[in-house]
Amino acid sequence: MSTDTEVLSIAEAADVLGVKQSTVYAYISRGLLKRHRLPRDRRSWLSRSEVEGFGQRKGTRTLLHDDEPAVSADTSQVARLDGDALLYRERDAVELARTASYEEVAELLWEQPDVAPARDLEPELVTAIRRLQDTMPASSLPLDRLKVTATLLGARDSFRYDLSVPSVLSAARTMAPAFVESLPQPGAVCERGRPIAERLWGRLTAEPATPERLAVLSAALVLLADHGLGPSTRAVREAAAKAADPYSAVLAGMSVASGLLLGGGSSLAVQAWLGDIASPASVSRVLEQRLLRGDRLSGFGQPRYRSADPRATELLRLLAEAPADPERLAIVEAAIDLVRRRRDLEPNVEFALGALCFVHGMAEGAGEAVFVIARTAGWIAHSLETYTVQ
C-alpha cells in the first residue's frame, strides 16, 4: 500500500462496515481483517479494498455482536501450529533455534526484526536488583526471585502505564537481562552485554559453559519463547485486555506458569523425579515406586502435536551432543525408552527442560527460570497484540 487513499483508519473501516470500532478490532483479532503499518507511523491501517470486499460478503455484520470483546481468546498472529511445526510469525521455531539468538527471536515476536537487541542494564538498576535479592531467603526458588524483580521493575518505571508500542518495548527489553541479574551466581561470571544464554548459564549451574552447552540453553530459550494461547498466555492477554501494565501482565503469566502441571513447574517435577534415579538400571524401580504412591509422571505427551513434540526432539538431540555426565544422559535415555514402550508416549518440552537441568546439575527450579525468561518474549508479544486492538 503506497498511498493513504488505499488505506482506511479503524474509524473509517467501521463506517464502511456499519459496525462499531470495537467490532473492527475484533475482526482484526480473529484474523478476518489484516492490520497494516505505514512507514514511520505506528497506527493501525486497513486495506480499503480488503475492507470493502469483506463488507460485501453475506452475513458480515452478523459475524460478531457489537458488544463482543475486542480481544479474541482463540486467535493470535504471534505463533501458531502448522501440522507439527511451531511457527513464530510464520517462521519455523526449530529452525530459528538453530540459527538465531533469543534476543533476535524476541524482536521478531515483537515485530521489530531489524532492531539490534539492547543487552545492557543501567548500573543503578543492577544495584537495586542486587539489594532487593539480598533480602530474599537463601532457599528462594528462582521463580520467586524473578517475581520480585518484575515488581521492582514496574515500581521504578514512571512510564509503566504508557501502553504505546515504543514504551512497552522499552520496558520489555529490560526484563530478560534484569531477570538474569536476579539469580545467584554458582558458576563463572559472564560479562554484561553478552547474549542472554551466555549470561544465564553461570546463574544456573557451576558446570563450565561450552559452545555445545550454550547451544542447548539458547535453543531452549528460543523454543520456549511462545506456544500460542496456552493457560499462562491467556492470563497475560486477560491482564493486558484490562490495561494492566506490561510488568503486571508478565507477573500474571508467571503465576500461572508456576503450576506443577504447566511449563516451568512441570520441568521442576521432571528434574525432581530424575534426581531420584541413581543409575539407568534403577529407572524402572523408581518409576514403579512413584506410580505406586500415586505420583504423576510429568514430562510425557503433548496433545497439540500429532506425533512427537518437535521442541523436545531438538533439545534432546542437542543435549545428547553436549559434554555431560554419561550416566545422567543414560538415565534420561532409559526413562524415555521405558515410558515410550509402556505408555506409548513421547517426551515433551517440559521433560527436555527438566532433563537439561538434571544432566547439568542445575539449581532446583532452574527450569522454571529458563521457561519464564524465555516466555517473557511471547508474553510481551501477546500484550502488544492485545493493547493495539483496544
Protein backbone atom coordinates (compact mmCIF):
# COMPACT_ATOMS: atom_id res chain seq x y z
CA MET A 1 0.00 0.00 0.00
CA SER A 2 1.78 3.07 -1.23
CA THR A 3 -0.73 5.90 -0.69
CA ASP A 4 -3.11 6.96 2.04
CA THR A 5 -6.06 6.64 -0.40
CA GLU A 6 -5.56 2.85 -0.40
CA VAL A 7 -5.92 2.51 3.36
CA LEU A 8 -8.60 3.17 5.96
CA SER A 9 -8.31 4.06 9.62
CA ILE A 10 -10.16 1.96 12.15
CA ALA A 11 -12.88 4.59 12.38
CA GLU A 12 -13.24 4.77 8.59
CA ALA A 13 -13.40 0.97 8.33
CA ALA A 14 -16.12 0.93 10.97
CA ASP A 15 -18.13 3.42 8.91
CA VAL A 16 -17.71 1.33 5.75
CA LEU A 17 -18.84 -1.84 7.51
CA GLY A 18 -21.56 -0.16 9.54
CA VAL A 19 -20.27 -1.51 12.86
CA LYS A 20 -18.62 -0.15 15.97
CA GLN A 21 -14.85 0.36 16.10
CA SER A 22 -14.63 -2.35 18.76
CA THR A 23 -16.10 -4.80 16.25
CA VAL A 24 -13.44 -3.88 13.69
CA TYR A 25 -10.80 -4.58 16.33
CA ALA A 26 -12.44 -7.95 16.93
CA TYR A 27 -12.32 -8.73 13.19
CA ILE A 28 -8.59 -7.95 13.27
CA SER A 29 -8.01 -10.07 16.37
CA ARG A 30 -9.77 -13.03 14.74
CA GLY A 31 -7.75 -12.72 11.55
CA LEU A 32 -10.76 -11.69 9.44
CA LEU A 33 -9.07 -8.41 8.54
CA LYS A 34 -5.35 -7.73 8.38
CA ARG A 35 -3.77 -4.75 10.12
CA HIS A 36 -1.06 -2.83 8.24
CA ARG A 37 1.60 -0.27 9.20
CA LEU A 38 2.75 2.70 7.17
CA PRO A 39 6.36 3.92 7.23
CA ARG A 40 7.10 5.99 10.36
CA ASP A 41 3.51 5.52 11.54
CA ARG A 42 2.64 3.20 14.44
CA ARG A 43 -1.13 3.43 13.93
CA SER A 44 -3.21 0.57 12.54
CA TRP A 45 -4.44 0.84 8.96
CA LEU A 46 -6.59 -1.47 6.86
CA SER A 47 -6.63 -2.07 3.13
CA ARG A 48 -9.59 -0.25 1.58
CA SER A 49 -10.18 -2.99 -0.99
CA GLU A 50 -9.99 -5.71 1.68
CA VAL A 51 -12.48 -3.91 3.92
CA GLU A 52 -14.88 -3.23 1.07
CA GLY A 53 -14.64 -6.83 -0.13
CA PHE A 54 -15.18 -8.10 3.41
CA GLY A 55 -18.25 -5.88 3.78
CA GLN A 56 -19.81 -7.30 0.63
CA ARG A 57 -19.78 -10.86 1.93
CA LYS A 58 -23.12 -12.17 3.03
CA GLY A 59 -23.61 -12.05 6.75
CA THR A 60 -20.56 -9.94 7.58
CA ARG A 61 -22.39 -7.86 10.14
CA THR A 62 -23.64 -10.93 11.98
CA LEU A 63 -20.22 -12.49 12.47
CA LEU A 64 -19.81 -10.67 15.79
CA HIS A 65 -22.19 -8.80 18.05
CA ASP A 66 -21.29 -5.16 18.57
CA ASP A 67 -20.80 -5.73 22.29
CA GLU A 68 -18.39 -8.66 21.81
CA PRO A 69 -14.95 -8.04 23.39
CA ALA A 70 -12.24 -6.77 21.08
CA VAL A 71 -9.72 -9.40 22.14
CA SER A 72 -10.36 -12.88 20.82
CA ALA A 73 -9.46 -15.76 23.12
CA ASP A 74 -8.58 -18.12 20.32
CA THR A 75 -6.77 -16.06 17.69
CA SER A 76 -3.27 -14.62 17.60
CA GLN A 77 -0.73 -13.73 14.96
CA VAL A 78 2.24 -14.28 17.28
CA ALA A 79 2.60 -18.05 16.95
CA ARG A 80 0.65 -20.97 15.52
CA LEU A 81 0.94 -24.66 14.75
CA ASP A 82 1.11 -25.83 11.15
CA GLY A 83 0.74 -29.57 11.47
CA ASP A 84 3.56 -30.50 13.83
CA ALA A 85 5.57 -27.35 13.11
CA LEU A 86 5.58 -24.45 15.57
CA LEU A 87 5.75 -21.13 13.73
CA TYR A 88 6.75 -17.76 15.15
CA ARG A 89 5.44 -15.01 12.88
CA GLU A 90 5.31 -17.71 10.16
CA ARG A 91 8.93 -18.80 10.73
CA ASP A 92 9.76 -22.30 11.95
CA ALA A 93 10.73 -22.19 15.63
CA VAL A 94 13.10 -25.19 15.41
CA GLU A 95 14.98 -23.59 12.56
CA LEU A 96 15.15 -20.33 14.49
CA ALA A 97 16.58 -22.24 17.46
CA ARG A 98 19.41 -23.37 15.21
CA THR A 99 20.15 -20.01 13.63
CA ALA A 100 19.02 -17.15 15.88
CA SER A 101 19.62 -15.94 19.42
CA TYR A 102 16.89 -15.50 22.00
CA GLU A 103 17.18 -11.72 21.69
CA GLU A 104 16.70 -11.87 17.92
CA VAL A 105 13.65 -14.11 18.28
CA ALA A 106 12.17 -11.77 20.89
CA GLU A 107 12.45 -8.85 18.47
CA LEU A 108 10.88 -10.99 15.75
CA LEU A 109 7.92 -11.80 18.00
CA TRP A 110 7.60 -8.10 18.81
CA GLU A 111 7.57 -7.31 15.07
CA GLN A 112 10.90 -5.49 15.33
CA PRO A 113 13.15 -7.87 13.32
CA ASP A 114 15.50 -5.13 12.16
CA VAL A 115 16.21 -3.78 15.64
CA ALA A 116 19.57 -4.60 17.22
CA PRO A 117 18.72 -6.02 20.65
CA ALA A 118 19.81 -3.94 23.64
CA ARG A 119 21.59 -6.01 26.28
CA ASP A 120 22.84 -3.68 28.99
CA LEU A 121 21.12 -2.53 32.17
CA GLU A 122 21.73 0.80 33.84
CA PRO A 123 24.14 0.44 36.78
CA GLU A 124 21.57 1.94 39.15
CA LEU A 125 19.08 -0.76 38.19
CA VAL A 126 21.65 -3.51 38.69
CA THR A 127 22.37 -2.15 42.18
CA ALA A 128 18.65 -2.03 43.02
CA ILE A 129 18.12 -5.61 41.84
CA ARG A 130 21.04 -6.88 43.91
CA ARG A 131 19.89 -5.06 47.03
CA LEU A 132 16.41 -6.50 46.67
CA GLN A 133 17.69 -10.02 46.06
CA ASP A 134 19.91 -9.78 49.14
CA THR A 135 16.72 -9.55 51.22
CA MET A 136 15.40 -12.85 49.83
CA PRO A 137 15.85 -16.10 51.82
CA ALA A 138 18.77 -18.13 50.52
CA SER A 139 16.37 -21.01 49.85
CA SER A 140 14.20 -18.94 47.50
CA LEU A 141 13.38 -20.68 44.23
CA PRO A 142 14.49 -18.86 41.07
CA LEU A 143 10.91 -18.07 40.09
CA ASP A 144 10.34 -16.30 43.41
CA ARG A 145 13.33 -14.09 42.63
CA LEU A 146 12.01 -13.28 39.16
CA LYS A 147 8.61 -12.30 40.55
CA VAL A 148 10.02 -9.75 42.98
CA THR A 149 12.27 -8.32 40.27
CA ALA A 150 9.28 -7.88 37.95
CA THR A 151 7.56 -5.94 40.74
CA LEU A 152 10.67 -3.83 41.25
CA LEU A 153 10.91 -3.03 37.52
CA GLY A 154 7.32 -1.84 37.48
CA ALA A 155 7.72 0.25 40.62
CA ARG A 156 10.77 2.02 39.15
CA ASP A 157 9.21 2.72 35.75
CA SER A 158 7.35 6.04 35.65
CA PHE A 159 6.05 5.11 32.16
CA ARG A 160 4.64 1.72 33.19
CA TYR A 161 1.09 2.81 32.34
CA ASP A 162 2.06 4.12 28.91
CA LEU A 163 0.87 1.25 26.74
CA SER A 164 2.14 2.67 23.46
CA VAL A 165 4.33 0.31 21.43
CA PRO A 166 7.62 2.22 22.00
CA SER A 167 7.04 2.42 25.75
CA VAL A 168 6.13 -1.27 26.10
CA LEU A 169 9.13 -2.30 24.02
CA SER A 170 11.42 -0.18 26.17
CA ALA A 171 10.11 -1.99 29.24
CA ALA A 172 10.30 -5.38 27.54
CA ARG A 173 13.97 -5.04 26.66
CA THR A 174 14.93 -4.65 30.32
CA MET A 175 13.08 -7.72 31.56
CA ALA A 176 15.21 -10.69 30.46
CA PRO A 177 18.55 -9.05 31.44
CA ALA A 178 17.04 -7.99 34.77
CA PHE A 179 15.72 -11.49 35.42
CA VAL A 180 19.15 -12.98 34.74
CA GLU A 181 20.70 -10.43 37.12
CA SER A 182 18.25 -11.59 39.80
CA LEU A 183 19.67 -15.11 40.09
CA PRO A 184 22.57 -16.30 42.25
CA GLN A 185 25.91 -16.92 40.53
CA PRO A 186 27.14 -20.50 41.21
CA GLY A 187 29.18 -20.61 38.01
CA ALA A 188 31.63 -18.41 36.15
CA VAL A 189 30.75 -14.74 35.74
CA CYS A 190 29.91 -13.64 32.21
CA GLU A 191 30.37 -10.00 31.32
CA ARG A 192 27.32 -7.87 30.71
CA GLY A 193 26.44 -7.25 27.11
CA ARG A 194 26.87 -10.89 26.13
CA PRO A 195 23.84 -12.86 24.83
CA ILE A 196 21.27 -13.86 27.43
CA ALA A 197 22.08 -17.57 27.09
CA GLU A 198 25.74 -16.97 27.94
CA ARG A 199 24.93 -14.79 30.94
CA LEU A 200 22.25 -17.17 32.19
CA TRP A 201 24.34 -20.35 32.15
CA GLY A 202 26.55 -19.41 35.12
CA ARG A 203 23.43 -18.39 37.06
CA LEU A 204 22.02 -21.91 36.81
CA THR A 205 24.97 -24.24 37.32
CA ALA A 206 28.61 -24.37 38.36
CA GLU A 207 29.46 -26.54 35.35
CA PRO A 208 31.63 -24.65 32.88
CA ALA A 209 29.98 -23.31 29.76
CA THR A 210 30.99 -24.83 26.43
CA PRO A 211 29.71 -23.89 22.97
CA GLU A 212 27.64 -27.08 22.88
CA ARG A 213 26.09 -26.48 26.29
CA LEU A 214 25.30 -22.89 25.45
CA ALA A 215 23.69 -24.08 22.22
CA VAL A 216 21.27 -26.23 24.23
CA LEU A 217 20.34 -23.38 26.56
CA SER A 218 19.99 -20.90 23.70
CA ALA A 219 17.75 -23.34 21.82
CA ALA A 220 15.64 -23.85 24.95
CA LEU A 221 15.12 -20.09 25.29
CA VAL A 222 14.06 -19.82 21.66
CA LEU A 223 11.81 -22.89 21.63
CA LEU A 224 10.04 -21.85 24.83
CA ALA A 225 9.52 -18.23 23.76
CA ASP A 226 5.92 -18.87 22.77
CA HIS A 227 3.45 -21.69 22.20
CA GLY A 228 0.26 -19.96 21.20
CA LEU A 229 -2.66 -19.40 23.53
CA GLY A 230 -1.83 -21.69 26.43
CA PRO A 231 -3.03 -21.05 30.00
CA SER A 232 -0.24 -18.67 31.04
CA THR A 233 -0.55 -16.67 27.83
CA ARG A 234 -4.32 -16.43 28.22
CA ALA A 235 -3.72 -14.99 31.68
CA VAL A 236 -1.34 -12.42 30.19
CA ARG A 237 -3.82 -11.44 27.49
CA GLU A 238 -6.63 -11.13 30.02
CA ALA A 239 -4.48 -8.81 32.14
CA ALA A 240 -3.47 -6.77 29.10
CA ALA A 241 -7.09 -6.53 27.99
CA LYS A 242 -7.81 -4.74 31.27
CA ALA A 243 -4.94 -2.30 30.53
CA ALA A 244 -2.56 -3.87 33.06
CA ASP A 245 0.98 -2.58 32.59
CA PRO A 246 3.45 -4.98 30.91
CA TYR A 247 5.17 -5.91 34.18
CA SER A 248 1.84 -6.86 35.75
CA ALA A 249 0.84 -8.80 32.63
CA VAL A 250 4.09 -10.78 32.79
CA LEU A 251 3.51 -11.40 36.50
CA ALA A 252 0.11 -12.87 35.62
CA GLY A 253 1.84 -15.27 33.25
CA MET A 254 4.45 -16.18 35.86
CA SER A 255 1.78 -17.04 38.40
CA VAL A 256 0.04 -19.48 36.07
CA ALA A 257 3.31 -20.93 34.74
CA SER A 258 4.43 -21.79 38.26
CA GLY A 259 1.78 -24.50 38.49
CA LEU A 260 3.27 -28.01 38.60
CA LEU A 261 1.07 -29.12 35.71
CA LEU A 262 2.36 -26.47 33.32
CA GLY A 263 5.52 -25.22 31.66
CA GLY A 264 8.30 -24.42 34.08
CA GLY A 265 6.52 -26.02 37.03
CA SER A 266 6.32 -29.31 35.16
CA SER A 267 10.05 -29.18 34.41
CA LEU A 268 10.66 -28.79 38.16
CA ALA A 269 8.77 -32.05 38.74
CA VAL A 270 10.76 -33.79 35.99
CA GLN A 271 14.05 -32.60 37.47
CA ALA A 272 12.93 -33.94 40.86
CA TRP A 273 11.98 -37.45 39.73
CA LEU A 274 15.03 -37.81 37.52
CA GLY A 275 17.10 -36.84 40.56
CA ASP A 276 15.65 -39.83 42.45
CA ILE A 277 17.21 -42.23 39.95
CA ALA A 278 20.72 -43.38 40.86
CA SER A 279 21.54 -45.35 37.71
CA PRO A 280 19.99 -46.43 34.39
CA ALA A 281 19.31 -49.85 35.89
CA SER A 282 17.09 -48.35 38.60
CA VAL A 283 14.82 -46.34 36.30
CA SER A 284 12.08 -48.96 36.26
CA ARG A 285 12.10 -49.43 40.04
CA VAL A 286 11.98 -45.69 40.82
CA LEU A 287 9.15 -45.05 38.39
CA GLU A 288 7.26 -48.02 39.78
CA GLN A 289 7.56 -46.56 43.29
CA ARG A 290 6.33 -43.17 42.13
CA LEU A 291 3.32 -44.69 40.39
CA LEU A 292 2.59 -46.82 43.47
CA ARG A 293 2.45 -43.62 45.56
CA GLY A 294 0.03 -42.11 43.10
CA ASP A 295 2.54 -39.53 41.85
CA ARG A 296 2.04 -38.05 38.41
CA LEU A 297 4.71 -38.87 35.85
CA SER A 298 5.35 -35.42 34.41
CA GLY A 299 7.04 -34.74 31.10
CA PHE A 300 5.35 -37.02 28.57
CA GLY A 301 2.68 -36.43 25.98
CA GLN A 302 1.70 -33.21 24.22
CA PRO A 303 -1.81 -33.32 22.75
CA ARG A 304 -1.23 -30.35 20.47
CA TYR A 305 1.10 -32.43 18.29
CA ARG A 306 0.09 -35.48 16.27
CA SER A 307 3.46 -37.14 16.83
CA ALA A 308 6.47 -36.03 18.90
CA ASP A 309 6.86 -32.54 20.34
CA PRO A 310 9.41 -31.04 17.91
CA ARG A 311 10.79 -28.76 20.62
CA ALA A 312 11.65 -31.75 22.80
CA THR A 313 13.17 -33.63 19.89
CA GLU A 314 15.50 -30.74 19.11
CA LEU A 315 16.51 -30.08 22.72
CA LEU A 316 17.16 -33.74 23.49
CA ARG A 317 19.28 -34.03 20.36
CA LEU A 318 21.38 -31.06 21.39
CA LEU A 319 21.58 -32.32 24.97
CA ALA A 320 22.99 -35.65 23.80
CA GLU A 321 25.64 -33.86 21.72
CA ALA A 322 26.89 -31.59 24.51
CA PRO A 323 29.58 -32.63 27.05
CA ALA A 324 27.79 -34.13 30.06
CA ASP A 325 27.87 -36.84 32.71
CA PRO A 326 27.35 -40.00 30.62
CA GLU A 327 25.45 -41.81 33.38
CA ARG A 328 22.96 -38.97 33.74
CA LEU A 329 22.44 -38.93 29.98
CA ALA A 330 21.90 -42.69 30.12
CA ILE A 331 19.26 -42.25 32.86
CA VAL A 332 17.40 -39.75 30.66
CA GLU A 333 17.54 -42.09 27.68
CA ALA A 334 16.42 -45.08 29.76
CA ALA A 335 13.45 -43.14 31.16
CA ILE A 336 12.36 -42.08 27.67
CA ASP A 337 12.68 -45.63 26.38
CA LEU A 338 10.70 -47.14 29.26
CA VAL A 339 7.79 -44.69 29.02
CA ARG A 340 7.75 -44.98 25.26
CA ARG A 341 7.49 -48.79 25.48
CA ARG A 342 4.98 -48.97 28.33
CA ARG A 343 2.82 -45.89 27.72
CA ASP A 344 3.44 -45.16 24.04
CA LEU A 345 4.13 -41.54 24.95
CA GLU A 346 6.86 -39.25 23.66
CA PRO A 347 8.74 -36.76 25.87
CA ASN A 348 7.52 -33.19 25.73
CA VAL A 349 9.48 -29.95 26.02
CA GLU A 350 8.96 -29.85 29.79
CA PHE A 351 10.74 -33.20 30.05
CA ALA A 352 13.56 -31.92 27.85
CA LEU A 353 13.92 -28.83 30.04
CA GLY A 354 13.90 -30.89 33.23
CA ALA A 355 16.44 -33.26 31.69
CA LEU A 356 18.71 -30.32 30.83
CA CYS A 357 18.60 -29.22 34.46
CA PHE A 358 19.22 -32.76 35.75
CA VAL A 359 22.07 -33.61 33.40
CA HIS A 360 23.99 -30.42 34.12
CA GLY A 361 23.38 -30.27 37.86
CA MET A 362 21.39 -27.06 37.75
CA ALA A 363 19.85 -25.47 40.83
CA GLU A 364 16.40 -26.59 41.92
CA GLY A 365 13.84 -24.67 39.94
CA ALA A 366 16.28 -23.68 37.19
CA GLY A 367 13.83 -24.93 34.58
CA GLU A 368 11.18 -22.52 35.84
CA ALA A 369 13.63 -19.65 35.43
CA VAL A 370 14.52 -20.70 31.88
CA PHE A 371 10.83 -21.08 30.99
CA VAL A 372 9.78 -17.70 32.39
CA ILE A 373 12.71 -15.77 30.91
CA ALA A 374 12.04 -17.42 27.55
CA ARG A 375 8.27 -16.99 27.63
CA THR A 376 8.54 -13.32 28.61
CA ALA A 377 9.26 -12.64 24.94
CA GLY A 378 5.99 -14.26 23.92
CA TRP A 379 4.03 -12.72 26.77
CA ILE A 380 5.15 -9.25 25.72
CA ALA A 381 4.22 -10.02 22.10
CA HIS A 382 0.73 -11.05 23.19
CA SER A 383 0.43 -8.00 25.42
CA LEU A 384 1.32 -5.76 22.49
CA GLU A 385 -1.17 -7.55 20.28
CA THR A 386 -3.86 -7.03 22.92
CA TYR A 387 -3.00 -3.41 23.66
CA THR A 388 -3.06 -2.43 19.97
CA VAL A 389 -6.60 -3.72 19.38
CA GLN A 390 -8.15 -1.86 22.29
